[in-house]
Amino acid sequence: MSLRYLKGVATLKLDAARCTGCGMCVNVCPHAVFRLENRKAIITDADLCMECGACALNCPVQAITVKKGTGCATAVRNGFLHGTEPDCGCGEDSGC
């Protein structure tokens, strides 16, 4: 079972033209969001991204951008760390 977040809200972006196919993103991503295809990284499913920032931090050519620490993944992590319910601010009243 894959851990999925809200559909279509991940801030993850990959500039394929800058990618050199080093595979660092594949190696560091905890949710297998990337794979190499034809010597370039591709995003397999952006909705699996928890926005931890490991891929962007380890990309030697800055081909990946992500606003780490945003979204529901941070709310889940903070709830776990503080023993509270996750609250990412995207409840029924927010329009998310």
PDB file of N, CA and C in Angstrom:
ATOM      1  N   MET A   1       0.837  -1.187   0.000  1.00  0.00           N
ATOM      2  CA  MET A   1       0.000   0.000   0.000  1.00  0.00           C
ATOM      3  C   MET A   1       0.875   1.241   0.000  1.00  0.00           C
ATOM      4  N   SER A   2       0.592   2.179  -0.881  1.00  0.00           N
ATOM      5  CA  SER A   2       1.333   3.426  -0.968  1.00  0.00           C
ATOM      6  C   SER A   2       0.656   4.483  -0.118  1.00  0.00           C
ATOM      7  N   LEU A   3       1.462   5.271   0.548  1.00  0.00           N
ATOM      8  CA  LEU A   3       0.952   6.375   1.340  1.00  0.00           C
ATOM      9  C   LEU A   3       0.679   7.538   0.398  1.00  0.00           C
ATOM     10  N   ARG A   4      -0.553   7.962   0.271  1.00  0.00           N
ATOM     11  CA  ARG A   4      -0.932   9.018  -0.655  1.00  0.00           C
ATOM     12  C   ARG A   4      -1.415  10.234   0.130  1.00  0.00           C
ATOM     13  N   TYR A   5      -1.245  11.378  -0.466  1.00  0.00           N
ATOM     14  CA  TYR A   5      -1.676  12.625   0.134  1.00  0.00           C
ATOM     15  C   TYR A   5      -2.800  13.212  -0.708  1.00  0.00           C
ATOM     16  N   LEU A   6      -3.116  14.443  -0.548  1.00  0.00           N
ATOM     17  CA  LEU A   6      -4.190  15.060  -1.320  1.00  0.00           C
ATOM     18  C   LEU A   6      -3.807  15.136  -2.793  1.00  0.00           C
ATOM     19  N   LYS A   7      -4.724  14.762  -3.649  1.00  0.00           N
ATOM     20  CA  LYS A   7      -4.478  14.726  -5.086  1.00  0.00           C
ATOM     21  C   LYS A   7      -4.242  16.124  -5.652  1.00  0.00           C
ATOM     22  N   GLY A   8      -3.156  16.236  -6.394  1.00  0.00           N
ATOM     23  CA  GLY A   8      -2.872  17.460  -7.130  1.00  0.00           C
ATOM     24  C   GLY A   8      -2.361  18.644  -6.345  1.00  0.00           C
ATOM     25  N   VAL A   9      -1.906  18.456  -5.107  1.00  0.00           N
ATOM     26  CA  VAL A   9      -1.455  19.603  -4.323  1.00  0.00           C
ATOM     27  C   VAL A   9       0.056  19.652  -4.081  1.00  0.00           C
ATOM     28  N   ALA A  10       0.776  18.614  -4.462  1.00  0.00           N
ATOM     29  CA  ALA A  10       2.226  18.588  -4.229  1.00  0.00           C
ATOM     30  C   ALA A  10       2.904  19.711  -5.007  1.00  0.00           C
ATOM     31  N   THR A  11       3.903  20.318  -4.409  1.00  0.00           N
ATOM     32  CA  THR A  11       4.637  21.415  -5.032  1.00  0.00           C
ATOM     33  C   THR A  11       5.831  20.924  -5.834  1.00  0.00           C
ATOM     34  N   LEU A  12       6.004  19.630  -5.952  1.00  0.00           N
ATOM     35  CA  LEU A  12       7.148  19.012  -6.616  1.00  0.00           C
ATOM     36  C   LEU A  12       7.173  19.331  -8.112  1.00  0.00           C
ATOM     37  N   LYS A  13       8.317  19.794  -8.600  1.00  0.00           N
ATOM     38  CA  LYS A  13       8.529  20.068 -10.026  1.00  0.00           C
ATOM     39  C   LYS A  13       9.891  19.535 -10.441  1.00  0.00           C
ATOM     40  N   LEU A  14       9.963  19.018 -11.664  1.00  0.00           N
ATOM     41  CA  LEU A  14      11.207  18.495 -12.225  1.00  0.00           C
ATOM     42  C   LEU A  14      11.451  19.156 -13.566  1.00  0.00           C
ATOM     43  N   ASP A  15      12.625  19.758 -13.728  1.00  0.00           N
ATOM     44  CA  ASP A  15      13.023  20.355 -15.001  1.00  0.00           C
ATOM     45  C   ASP A  15      13.840  19.302 -15.745  1.00  0.00           C
ATOM     46  N   ALA A  16      13.178  18.566 -16.627  1.00  0.00           N
ATOM     47  CA  ALA A  16      13.818  17.448 -17.337  1.00  0.00           C
ATOM     48  C   ALA A  16      15.013  17.907 -18.168  1.00  0.00           C
ATOM     49  N   ALA A  17      14.991  19.128 -18.669  1.00  0.00           N
ATOM     50  CA  ALA A  17      16.095  19.638 -19.484  1.00  0.00           C
ATOM     51  C   ALA A  17      17.380  19.775 -18.667  1.00  0.00           C
ATOM     52  N   ARG A  18      17.253  20.045 -17.377  1.00  0.00           N
ATOM     53  CA  ARG A  18      18.434  20.187 -16.506  1.00  0.00           C
ATOM     54  C   ARG A  18      18.923  18.853 -15.958  1.00  0.00           C
ATOM     55  N   CYS A  19      18.050  17.857 -15.916  1.00  0.00           N
ATOM     56  CA  CYS A  19      18.382  16.562 -15.317  1.00  0.00           C
ATOM     57  C   CYS A  19      19.511  15.879 -16.084  1.00  0.00           C
ATOM     58  N   THR A  20      20.487  15.367 -15.326  1.00  0.00           N
ATOM     59  CA  THR A  20      21.611  14.642 -15.924  1.00  0.00           C
ATOM     60  C   THR A  20      21.484  13.132 -15.745  1.00  0.00           C
ATOM     61  N   GLY A  21      20.428  12.691 -15.073  1.00  0.00           N
ATOM     62  CA  GLY A  21      20.210  11.262 -14.883  1.00  0.00           C
ATOM     63  C   GLY A  21      21.119  10.624 -13.843  1.00  0.00           C
ATOM     64  N   CYS A  22      21.565  11.395 -12.875  1.00  0.00           N
ATOM     65  CA  CYS A  22      22.487  10.860 -11.855  1.00  0.00           C
ATOM     66  C   CYS A  22      21.805   9.857 -10.929  1.00  0.00           C
ATOM     67  N   GLY A  23      20.492   9.972 -10.774  1.00  0.00           N
ATOM     68  CA  GLY A  23      19.741   9.035  -9.950  1.00  0.00           C
ATOM     69  C   GLY A  23      19.694   9.344  -8.469  1.00  0.00           C
ATOM     70  N   MET A  24      20.212  10.483  -8.048  1.00  0.00           N
ATOM     71  CA  MET A  24      20.178  10.823  -6.621  1.00  0.00           C
ATOM     72  C   MET A  24      18.741  10.925  -6.109  1.00  0.00           C
ATOM     73  N   CYS A  25      17.856  11.484  -6.894  1.00  0.00           N
ATOM     74  CA  CYS A  25      16.460  11.614  -6.470  1.00  0.00           C
ATOM     75  C   CYS A  25      15.830  10.237  -6.245  1.00  0.00           C
ATOM     76  N   VAL A  26      16.154   9.306  -7.104  1.00  0.00           N
ATOM     77  CA  VAL A  26      15.652   7.935  -6.966  1.00  0.00           C
ATOM     78  C   VAL A  26      16.168   7.327  -5.667  1.00  0.00           C
ATOM     79  N   ASN A  27      17.429   7.574  -5.360  1.00  0.00           N
ATOM     80  CA  ASN A  27      18.054   6.992  -4.168  1.00  0.00           C
ATOM     81  C   ASN A  27      17.539   7.578  -2.864  1.00  0.00           C
ATOM     82  N   VAL A  28      17.220   8.868  -2.842  1.00  0.00           N
ATOM     83  CA  VAL A  28      16.877   9.507  -1.564  1.00  0.00           C
ATOM     84  C   VAL A  28      15.385   9.632  -1.299  1.00  0.00           C
ATOM     85  N   CYS A  29      14.549   9.451  -2.299  1.00  0.00           N
ATOM     86  CA  CYS A  29      13.109   9.630  -2.113  1.00  0.00           C
ATOM     87  C   CYS A  29      12.526   8.483  -1.295  1.00  0.00           C
ATOM     88  N   PRO A  30      11.915   8.789  -0.147  1.00  0.00           N
ATOM     89  CA  PRO A  30      11.374   7.725   0.698  1.00  0.00           C
ATOM     90  C   PRO A  30      10.098   7.075   0.156  1.00  0.00           C
ATOM     91  N   HIS A  31       9.470   7.685  -0.853  1.00  0.00           N
ATOM     92  CA  HIS A  31       8.215   7.141  -1.385  1.00  0.00           C
ATOM     93  C   HIS A  31       8.293   6.759  -2.856  1.00  0.00           C
ATOM     94  N   ALA A  32       9.498   6.612  -3.389  1.00  0.00           N
ATOM     95  CA  ALA A  32       9.712   6.180  -4.776  1.00  0.00           C
ATOM     96  C   ALA A  32       8.917   7.022  -5.773  1.00  0.00           C
ATOM     97  N   VAL A  33       9.009   8.321  -5.625  1.00  0.00           N
ATOM     98  CA  VAL A  33       8.311   9.239  -6.512  1.00  0.00           C
ATOM     99  C   VAL A  33       9.027   9.336  -7.868  1.00  0.00           C
ATOM    100  N   PHE A  34      10.305   9.016  -7.903  1.00  0.00           N
ATOM    101  CA  PHE A  34      11.105   9.134  -9.117  1.00  0.00           C
ATOM    102  C   PHE A  34      11.566   7.770  -9.621  1.00  0.00           C
ATOM    103  N   ARG A  35      11.820   7.724 -10.928  1.00  0.00           N
ATOM    104  CA  ARG A  35      12.542   6.592 -11.519  1.00  0.00           C
ATOM    105  C   ARG A  35      13.314   7.139 -12.710  1.00  0.00           C
ATOM    106  N   LEU A  36      14.324   6.396 -13.124  1.00  0.00           N
ATOM    107  CA  LEU A  36      15.097   6.793 -14.297  1.00  0.00           C
ATOM    108  C   LEU A  36      14.506   6.127 -15.527  1.00  0.00           C
ATOM    109  N   GLU A  37      14.364   6.912 -16.573  1.00  0.00           N
ATOM    110  CA  GLU A  37      13.845   6.413 -17.842  1.00  0.00           C
ATOM    111  C   GLU A  37      14.591   7.139 -18.951  1.00  0.00           C
ATOM    112  N   ASN A  38      15.215   6.379 -19.830  1.00  0.00           N
ATOM    113  CA  ASN A  38      16.005   6.968 -20.927  1.00  0.00           C
ATOM    114  C   ASN A  38      17.045   7.947 -20.406  1.00  0.00           C
ATOM    115  N   ARG A  39      17.708   7.561 -19.332  1.00  0.00           N
ATOM    116  CA  ARG A  39      18.797   8.342 -18.722  1.00  0.00           C
ATOM    117  C   ARG A  39      18.371   9.700 -18.171  1.00  0.00           C
ATOM    118  N   LYS A  40      17.114   9.805 -17.799  1.00  0.00           N
ATOM    119  CA  LYS A  40      16.586  11.016 -17.161  1.00  0.00           C
ATOM    120  C   LYS A  40      15.640  10.595 -16.045  1.00  0.00           C
ATOM    121  N   ALA A  41      15.540  11.425 -15.022  1.00  0.00           N
ATOM    122  CA  ALA A  41      14.568  11.176 -13.956  1.00  0.00           C
ATOM    123  C   ALA A  41      13.184  11.559 -14.458  1.00  0.00           C
ATOM    124  N   ILE A  42      12.196  10.820 -14.009  1.00  0.00           N
ATOM    125  CA  ILE A  42      10.807  11.191 -14.253  1.00  0.00           C
ATOM    126  C   ILE A  42      10.054  11.061 -12.933  1.00  0.00           C
ATOM    127  N   ILE A  43       8.999  11.810 -12.804  1.00  0.00           N
ATOM    128  CA  ILE A  43       8.135  11.714 -11.628  1.00  0.00           C
ATOM    129  C   ILE A  43       7.089  10.653 -11.930  1.00  0.00           C
ATOM    130  N   THR A  44       7.058   9.612 -11.113  1.00  0.00           N
ATOM    131  CA  THR A  44       6.113   8.516 -11.336  1.00  0.00           C
ATOM    132  C   THR A  44       4.713   8.885 -10.881  1.00  0.00           C
ATOM    133  N   ASP A  45       4.605   9.563  -9.757  1.00  0.00           N
ATOM    134  CA  ASP A  45       3.309   9.958  -9.212  1.00  0.00           C
ATOM    135  C   ASP A  45       3.543  11.056  -8.173  1.00  0.00           C
ATOM    136  N   ALA A  46       3.310  12.292  -8.558  1.00  0.00           N
ATOM    137  CA  ALA A  46       3.560  13.424  -7.653  1.00  0.00           C
ATOM    138  C   ALA A  46       2.698  13.364  -6.400  1.00  0.00           C
ATOM    139  N   ASP A  47       1.565  12.676  -6.467  1.00  0.00           N
ATOM    140  CA  ASP A  47       0.690  12.588  -5.296  1.00  0.00           C
ATOM    141  C   ASP A  47       1.275  11.719  -4.188  1.00  0.00           C
ATOM    142  N   LEU A  48       2.350  10.994  -4.471  1.00  0.00           N
ATOM    143  CA  LEU A  48       3.048  10.222  -3.445  1.00  0.00           C
ATOM    144  C   LEU A  48       4.055  11.084  -2.675  1.00  0.00           C
ATOM    145  N   CYS A  49       4.340  12.266  -3.186  1.00  0.00           N
ATOM    146  CA  CYS A  49       5.353  13.146  -2.592  1.00  0.00           C
ATOM    147  C   CYS A  49       4.891  13.681  -1.240  1.00  0.00           C
ATOM    148  N   MET A  50       5.743  13.525  -0.228  1.00  0.00           N
ATOM    149  CA  MET A  50       5.430  14.062   1.092  1.00  0.00           C
ATOM    150  C   MET A  50       6.144  15.388   1.339  1.00  0.00           C
ATOM    151  N   GLU A  51       6.766  15.929   0.302  1.00  0.00           N
ATOM    152  CA  GLU A  51       7.415  17.232   0.333  1.00  0.00           C
ATOM    153  C   GLU A  51       8.492  17.343   1.409  1.00  0.00           C
ATOM    154  N   CYS A  52       9.284  16.286   1.558  1.00  0.00           N
ATOM    155  CA  CYS A  52      10.359  16.314   2.554  1.00  0.00           C
ATOM    156  C   CYS A  52      11.551  17.140   2.078  1.00  0.00           C
ATOM    157  N   GLY A  53      11.727  17.267   0.760  1.00  0.00           N
ATOM    158  CA  GLY A  53      12.803  18.080   0.207  1.00  0.00           C
ATOM    159  C   GLY A  53      14.100  17.346  -0.046  1.00  0.00           C
ATOM    160  N   ALA A  54      14.165  16.055   0.241  1.00  0.00           N
ATOM    161  CA  ALA A  54      15.409  15.298   0.059  1.00  0.00           C
ATOM    162  C   ALA A  54      15.862  15.294  -1.395  1.00  0.00           C
ATOM    163  N   CYS A  55      14.926  15.178  -2.310  1.00  0.00           N
ATOM    164  CA  CYS A  55      15.284  15.127  -3.731  1.00  0.00           C
ATOM    165  C   CYS A  55      15.934  16.433  -4.182  1.00  0.00           C
ATOM    166  N   ALA A  56      15.301  17.556  -3.864  1.00  0.00           N
ATOM    167  CA  ALA A  56      15.826  18.859  -4.272  1.00  0.00           C
ATOM    168  C   ALA A  56      17.164  19.150  -3.595  1.00  0.00           C
ATOM    169  N   LEU A  57      17.277  18.796  -2.340  1.00  0.00           N
ATOM    170  CA  LEU A  57      18.512  19.031  -1.603  1.00  0.00           C
ATOM    171  C   LEU A  57      19.682  18.254  -2.188  1.00  0.00           C
ATOM    172  N   ASN A  58      19.419  17.062  -2.712  1.00  0.00           N
ATOM    173  CA  ASN A  58      20.484  16.199  -3.219  1.00  0.00           C
ATOM    174  C   ASN A  58      20.669  16.252  -4.728  1.00  0.00           C
ATOM    175  N   CYS A  59      19.881  17.037  -5.433  1.00  0.00           N
ATOM    176  CA  CYS A  59      20.030  17.154  -6.886  1.00  0.00           C
ATOM    177  C   CYS A  59      21.220  18.062  -7.193  1.00  0.00           C
ATOM    178  N   PRO A  60      22.265  17.521  -7.825  1.00  0.00           N
ATOM    179  CA  PRO A  60      23.467  18.326  -8.051  1.00  0.00           C
ATOM    180  C   PRO A  60      23.311  19.417  -9.099  1.00  0.00           C
ATOM    181  N   VAL A  61      22.227  19.365  -9.893  1.00  0.00           N
ATOM    182  CA  VAL A  61      22.033  20.368 -10.946  1.00  0.00           C
ATOM    183  C   VAL A  61      20.784  21.213 -10.729  1.00  0.00           C
ATOM    184  N   GLN A  62      20.193  21.130  -9.546  1.00  0.00           N
ATOM    185  CA  GLN A  62      18.998  21.901  -9.187  1.00  0.00           C
ATOM    186  C   GLN A  62      17.870  21.741 -10.207  1.00  0.00           C
ATOM    187  N   ALA A  63      17.656  20.498 -10.653  1.00  0.00           N
ATOM    188  CA  ALA A  63      16.578  20.207 -11.599  1.00  0.00           C
ATOM    189  C   ALA A  63      15.250  19.990 -10.888  1.00  0.00           C
ATOM    190  N   ILE A  64      15.284  19.879  -9.572  1.00  0.00           N
ATOM    191  CA  ILE A  64      14.074  19.584  -8.799  1.00  0.00           C
ATOM    192  C   ILE A  64      13.792  20.724  -7.835  1.00  0.00           C
ATOM    193  N   THR A  65      12.533  21.116  -7.779  1.00  0.00           N
ATOM    194  CA  THR A  65      12.107  22.096  -6.785  1.00  0.00           C
ATOM    195  C   THR A  65      10.903  21.526  -6.042  1.00  0.00           C
ATOM    196  N   VAL A  66      10.840  21.818  -4.772  1.00  0.00           N
ATOM    197  CA  VAL A  66       9.712  21.428  -3.935  1.00  0.00           C
ATOM    198  C   VAL A  66       9.722  22.341  -2.716  1.00  0.00           C
ATOM    199  N   LYS A  67       8.555  22.776  -2.307  1.00  0.00           N
ATOM    200  CA  LYS A  67       8.465  23.590  -1.094  1.00  0.00           C
ATOM    201  C   LYS A  67       8.400  22.630   0.074  1.00  0.00           C
ATOM    202  N   LYS A  68       9.569  22.298   0.617  1.00  0.00           N
ATOM    203  CA  LYS A  68       9.588  21.304   1.689  1.00  0.00           C
ATOM    204  C   LYS A  68       8.907  21.845   2.937  1.00  0.00           C
ATOM    205  N   GLY A  69       8.274  20.920   3.632  1.00  0.00           N
ATOM    206  CA  GLY A  69       7.607  21.279   4.872  1.00  0.00           C
ATOM    207  C   GLY A  69       6.259  21.946   4.680  1.00  0.00           C
ATOM    208  N   THR A  70       5.665  21.798   3.508  1.00  0.00           N
ATOM    209  CA  THR A  70       4.342  22.360   3.276  1.00  0.00           C
ATOM    210  C   THR A  70       3.318  21.243   3.209  1.00  0.00           C
ATOM    211  N   GLY A  71       2.091  21.591   3.268  1.00  0.00           N
ATOM    212  CA  GLY A  71       1.026  20.632   3.014  1.00  0.00           C
ATOM    213  C   GLY A  71       0.727  19.675   4.142  1.00  0.00           C
ATOM    214  N   CYS A  72      -0.038  18.674   3.771  1.00  0.00           N
ATOM    215  CA  CYS A  72      -0.553  17.718   4.744  1.00  0.00           C
ATOM    216  C   CYS A  72       0.528  16.835   5.348  1.00  0.00           C
ATOM    217  N   ALA A  73       1.601  16.582   4.613  1.00  0.00           N
ATOM    218  CA  ALA A  73       2.673  15.747   5.163  1.00  0.00           C
ATOM    219  C   ALA A  73       3.253  16.376   6.424  1.00  0.00           C
ATOM    220  N   THR A  74       3.436  17.676   6.396  1.00  0.00           N
ATOM    221  CA  THR A  74       3.952  18.373   7.573  1.00  0.00           C
ATOM    222  C   THR A  74       2.961  18.302   8.719  1.00  0.00           C
ATOM    223  N   ALA A  75       1.686  18.435   8.417  1.00  0.00           N
ATOM    224  CA  ALA A  75       0.664  18.362   9.462  1.00  0.00           C
ATOM    225  C   ALA A  75       0.652  16.987  10.113  1.00  0.00           C
ATOM    226  N   VAL A  76       0.765  15.940   9.311  1.00  0.00           N
ATOM    227  CA  VAL A  76       0.798  14.576   9.846  1.00  0.00           C
ATOM    228  C   VAL A  76       2.030  14.387  10.719  1.00  0.00           C
ATOM    229  N   ARG A  77       3.186  14.828  10.223  1.00  0.00           N
ATOM    230  CA  ARG A  77       4.432  14.696  10.985  1.00  0.00           C
ATOM    231  C   ARG A  77       4.367  15.480  12.291  1.00  0.00           C
ATOM    232  N   ASN A  78       3.903  16.717  12.233  1.00  0.00           N
ATOM    233  CA  ASN A  78       3.826  17.532  13.447  1.00  0.00           C
ATOM    234  C   ASN A  78       2.835  16.954  14.444  1.00  0.00           C
ATOM    235  N   GLY A  79       1.719  16.440  13.959  1.00  0.00           N
ATOM    236  CA  GLY A  79       0.760  15.793  14.850  1.00  0.00           C
ATOM    237  C   GLY A  79       1.366  14.603  15.562  1.00  0.00           C
ATOM    238  N   PHE A  80       2.122  13.813  14.817  1.00  0.00           N
ATOM    239  CA  PHE A  80       2.786  12.650  15.408  1.00  0.00           C
ATOM    240  C   PHE A  80       3.805  13.083  16.464  1.00  0.00           C
ATOM    241  N   LEU A  81       4.614  14.081  16.134  1.00  0.00           N
ATOM    242  CA  LEU A  81       5.661  14.538  17.050  1.00  0.00           C
ATOM    243  C   LEU A  81       5.103  15.176  18.319  1.00  0.00           C
ATOM    244  N   HIS A  82       3.975  15.855  18.188  1.00  0.00           N
ATOM    245  CA  HIS A  82       3.400  16.569  19.327  1.00  0.00           C
ATOM    246  C   HIS A  82       2.245  15.832  19.992  1.00  0.00           C
ATOM    247  N   GLY A  83       1.899  14.656  19.462  1.00  0.00           N
ATOM    248  CA  GLY A  83       0.823  13.872  20.042  1.00  0.00           C
ATOM    249  C   GLY A  83      -0.549  14.492  19.841  1.00  0.00           C
ATOM    250  N   THR A  84      -0.705  15.218  18.743  1.00  0.00           N
ATOM    251  CA  THR A  84      -1.987  15.866  18.444  1.00  0.00           C
ATOM    252  C   THR A  84      -2.522  15.348  17.111  1.00  0.00           C
ATOM    253  N   GLU A  85      -3.739  15.714  16.818  1.00  0.00           N
ATOM    254  CA  GLU A  85      -4.320  15.366  15.520  1.00  0.00           C
ATOM    255  C   GLU A  85      -3.676  16.245  14.444  1.00  0.00           C
ATOM    256  N   PRO A  86      -3.473  15.707  13.255  1.00  0.00           N
ATOM    257  CA  PRO A  86      -2.923  16.520  12.147  1.00  0.00           C
ATOM    258  C   PRO A  86      -3.881  17.664  11.801  1.00  0.00           C
ATOM    259  N   ASP A  87      -3.344  18.832  11.536  1.00  0.00           N
ATOM    260  CA  ASP A  87      -4.167  19.954  11.114  1.00  0.00           C
ATOM    261  C   ASP A  87      -3.387  20.746  10.070  1.00  0.00           C
ATOM    262  N   CYS A  88      -3.731  20.537   8.809  1.00  0.00           N
ATOM    263  CA  CYS A  88      -3.050  21.241   7.736  1.00  0.00           C
ATOM    264  C   CYS A  88      -3.845  22.438   7.250  1.00  0.00           C
ATOM    265  N   GLY A  89      -4.990  22.701   7.879  1.00  0.00           N
ATOM    266  CA  GLY A  89      -5.790  23.847   7.493  1.00  0.00           C
ATOM    267  C   GLY A  89      -6.618  23.647   6.251  1.00  0.00           C
ATOM    268  N   CYS A  90      -6.747  22.414   5.790  1.00  0.00           N
ATOM    269  CA  CYS A  90      -7.522  22.197   4.571  1.00  0.00           C
ATOM    270  C   CYS A  90      -8.783  21.390   4.875  1.00  0.00           C
ATOM    271  N   GLY A  91      -9.462  21.777   5.915  1.00  0.00           N
ATOM    272  CA  GLY A  91     -10.709  21.120   6.285  1.00  0.00           C
ATOM    273  C   GLY A  91     -11.858  21.507   5.380  1.00  0.00           C
ATOM    274  N   GLU A  92     -13.040  21.106   5.755  1.00  0.00           N
ATOM    275  CA  GLU A  92     -14.221  21.335   4.930  1.00  0.00           C
ATOM    276  C   GLU A  92     -14.483  22.812   4.640  1.00  0.00           C
ATOM    277  N   ASP A  93     -14.138  23.691   5.551  1.00  0.00           N
ATOM    278  CA  ASP A  93     -14.438  25.103   5.378  1.00  0.00           C
ATOM    279  C   ASP A  93     -13.403  25.855   4.530  1.00  0.00           C
ATOM    280  N   SER A  94     -12.288  25.211   4.209  1.00  0.00           N
ATOM    281  CA  SER A  94     -11.214  25.926   3.517  1.00  0.00           C
ATOM    282  C   SER A  94     -11.347  25.915   2.009  1.00  0.00           C
ATOM    283  N   GLY A  95     -12.181  25.030   1.476  1.00  0.00           N
ATOM    284  CA  GLY A  95     -12.326  24.944   0.028  1.00  0.00           C
ATOM    285  C   GLY A  95     -11.319  24.048  -0.640  1.00  0.00           C
ATOM    286  N   CYS A  96     -10.502  23.355   0.134  1.00  0.00           N
ATOM    287  CA  CYS A  96      -9.521  22.426  -0.452  1.00  0.00           C
ATOM    288  C   CYS A  96     -10.196  21.178  -0.967  1.00  0.00           C
TER     289      CYS A  96
END
